[in-house]
Amino acid sequence: MIPIEVENRIANYFFHRYLPEEVMIKIVDRLLTPCTRTDEEDLDIDELVSWAIEIIDEQLEDKPLR
């Protein structure tokens, strides 16, 4: 099994290297408000991840990565 830290670092690299800028902007726009208005320990991490995945899936549907 791959350690979670390794998975997180790979995902972080992918996120910043391969996602088109407009997708990253949409994700930041969606997640920034709840992340800045809620204490970190009170955030629903699963919900934030789901929102980001929905945006990525919607934006990248049938589009190649760079």
Protein backbone atom coordinates (compact mmCIF):
# COMPACT_ATOMS: atom_id res chain seq x y z
CA MET A 1 0.00 0.00 0.00
CA ILE A 2 1.27 3.46 -0.89
CA PRO A 3 1.62 5.77 2.13
CA ILE A 4 -0.92 8.60 2.20
CA GLU A 5 1.87 11.21 2.26
CA VAL A 6 3.20 9.86 -1.04
CA GLU A 7 -0.28 9.90 -2.59
CA ASN A 8 -0.83 13.46 -1.38
CA ARG A 9 2.45 14.67 -2.84
CA ILE A 10 1.74 13.00 -6.20
CA ALA A 11 -1.76 14.50 -6.26
CA ASN A 12 -0.39 17.94 -5.36
CA TYR A 13 2.16 17.71 -8.18
CA PHE A 14 -0.52 16.64 -10.66
CA PHE A 15 -2.91 19.36 -9.52
CA HIS A 16 -0.37 22.13 -10.02
CA ARG A 17 1.35 20.74 -13.11
CA TYR A 18 -1.41 19.34 -15.30
CA LEU A 19 -4.76 20.91 -14.50
CA PRO A 20 -5.59 23.79 -16.81
CA GLU A 21 -5.48 27.14 -15.06
CA GLU A 22 -9.20 27.76 -15.61
CA VAL A 23 -10.02 24.52 -13.76
CA MET A 24 -7.77 25.47 -10.86
CA ILE A 25 -9.43 28.90 -10.69
CA LYS A 26 -12.91 27.32 -10.53
CA ILE A 27 -11.79 24.99 -7.75
CA VAL A 28 -10.22 27.82 -5.74
CA ASP A 29 -13.30 29.99 -6.26
CA ARG A 30 -15.56 27.20 -4.95
CA LEU A 31 -13.42 26.14 -2.00
CA LEU A 32 -11.90 29.40 -0.81
CA THR A 33 -14.97 30.85 0.90
CA PRO A 34 -15.82 27.83 3.05
CA CYS A 35 -12.13 27.33 3.88
CA THR A 36 -11.64 30.92 5.01
CA ARG A 37 -14.92 31.20 6.94
CA THR A 38 -14.67 27.93 8.85
CA ASP A 39 -12.13 26.75 11.38
CA GLU A 40 -9.96 24.06 9.85
CA GLU A 41 -11.05 21.42 12.36
CA ASP A 42 -14.71 22.12 11.49
CA LEU A 43 -14.31 21.76 7.72
CA ASP A 44 -16.00 18.82 6.04
CA ILE A 45 -12.98 17.59 4.10
CA ASP A 46 -14.96 14.92 2.25
CA GLU A 47 -17.41 17.54 1.00
CA LEU A 48 -14.61 19.85 -0.16
CA VAL A 49 -12.95 16.99 -2.04
CA SER A 50 -16.28 16.03 -3.62
CA TRP A 51 -16.84 19.60 -4.82
CA ALA A 52 -13.35 19.73 -6.35
CA ILE A 53 -13.81 16.35 -8.06
CA GLU A 54 -17.14 17.46 -9.51
CA ILE A 55 -15.51 20.57 -10.96
CA ILE A 56 -12.57 18.59 -12.36
CA ASP A 57 -14.84 15.96 -13.93
CA GLU A 58 -17.14 18.59 -15.41
CA GLN A 59 -14.33 20.75 -16.77
CA LEU A 60 -12.17 17.96 -18.13
CA GLU A 61 -14.87 15.82 -19.68
CA ASP A 62 -13.54 14.81 -23.11
CA LYS A 63 -10.61 17.26 -22.85
CA PRO A 64 -7.00 16.13 -22.91
CA LEU A 65 -4.59 17.17 -20.19
CA ARG A 66 -1.60 19.16 -21.31
